[in-house]
Amino acid sequence: MAIARLHGGPLDGQILPLEQPELDSLIVPYGEGQIVYRRDGAPQHTGSADGPTEAEFWFIEATDDIGNSADD
């Protein structure tokens, strides 16, 4: 099992399961649009006894505005 640790953007601090540890980017649905995170650095904890493989992904862009809606 591998996990993606997200940095920046609306999902900052979230951890997601990563079915394909070799992915370079994640496109995640968010509201009516999508947000894009890109991998930065090599995977960590790749040994058999040091926990799940972990990759860090950083916020790149959103397809829609991600601020507060007019309803707030």
Protein backbone atom coordinates (compact mmCIF):
# COMPACT_ATOMS: atom_id res chain seq x y z
CA MET A 1 0.00 0.00 0.00
CA ALA A 2 1.11 3.54 -0.72
CA ILE A 3 -0.19 6.91 0.43
CA ALA A 4 -0.13 10.41 -1.02
CA ARG A 5 0.48 13.24 1.45
CA LEU A 6 -1.03 16.47 0.05
CA HIS A 7 0.47 19.93 0.62
CA GLY A 8 -1.11 23.29 -0.14
CA GLY A 9 -4.46 24.02 -1.71
CA PRO A 10 -7.81 23.05 -0.25
CA LEU A 11 -6.72 19.52 0.71
CA ASP A 12 -3.59 20.58 2.59
CA GLY A 13 -2.64 17.97 5.18
CA GLN A 14 -4.87 15.24 3.74
CA ILE A 15 -3.60 11.72 3.15
CA LEU A 16 -5.05 9.68 0.29
CA PRO A 17 -4.49 6.04 -0.68
CA LEU A 18 -2.25 5.83 -3.73
CA GLU A 19 -3.02 2.76 -5.80
CA GLN A 20 -0.21 3.47 -8.25
CA PRO A 21 2.89 4.70 -6.37
CA GLU A 22 4.62 5.70 -9.61
CA LEU A 23 2.08 8.47 -10.43
CA ASP A 24 3.57 11.92 -11.00
CA SER A 25 0.33 13.85 -10.51
CA LEU A 26 -3.12 13.51 -8.97
CA ILE A 27 -6.31 15.07 -10.33
CA VAL A 28 -8.92 15.09 -7.58
CA PRO A 29 -12.59 16.11 -7.86
CA TYR A 30 -13.39 19.14 -5.74
CA GLY A 31 -16.78 20.85 -5.77
CA GLU A 32 -17.86 21.37 -9.36
CA GLY A 33 -14.30 21.16 -10.68
CA GLN A 34 -11.01 19.46 -10.06
CA ILE A 35 -7.73 20.23 -8.34
CA VAL A 36 -4.29 19.12 -9.46
CA TYR A 37 -1.41 18.01 -7.24
CA ARG A 38 2.05 17.10 -8.56
CA ARG A 39 4.59 14.79 -6.93
CA ASP A 40 7.74 16.36 -5.54
CA GLY A 41 10.63 14.12 -4.55
CA ALA A 42 11.18 10.40 -4.31
CA PRO A 43 8.89 8.04 -2.38
CA GLN A 44 9.76 7.48 1.27
CA HIS A 45 9.40 4.36 3.44
CA THR A 46 9.91 1.95 0.56
CA GLY A 47 11.21 -0.91 2.70
CA SER A 48 9.13 -3.90 3.71
CA ALA A 49 9.18 -3.08 7.44
CA ASP A 50 9.00 0.73 7.64
CA GLY A 51 5.31 1.40 7.02
CA PRO A 52 3.44 2.31 3.86
CA THR A 53 5.27 3.90 0.96
CA GLU A 54 4.65 7.64 1.10
CA ALA A 55 4.82 10.23 -1.69
CA GLU A 56 4.47 13.99 -1.28
CA PHE A 57 2.23 15.91 -3.68
CA TRP A 58 2.00 19.71 -3.91
CA PHE A 59 -0.97 21.80 -5.07
CA ILE A 60 -0.63 23.12 -8.63
CA GLU A 61 -4.00 24.44 -9.81
CA ALA A 62 -7.79 24.27 -9.63
CA THR A 63 -10.14 24.16 -12.61
CA ASP A 64 -12.70 26.35 -10.78
CA ASP A 65 -12.49 29.00 -8.08
CA ILE A 66 -11.95 27.32 -4.73
CA GLY A 67 -12.73 30.29 -2.49
CA ASN A 68 -15.93 30.88 -0.56
CA SER A 69 -19.14 30.64 -2.54
CA ALA A 70 -21.66 33.48 -2.79
CA ASP A 71 -23.94 31.49 -0.46
CA ASP A 72 -21.55 31.86 2.52
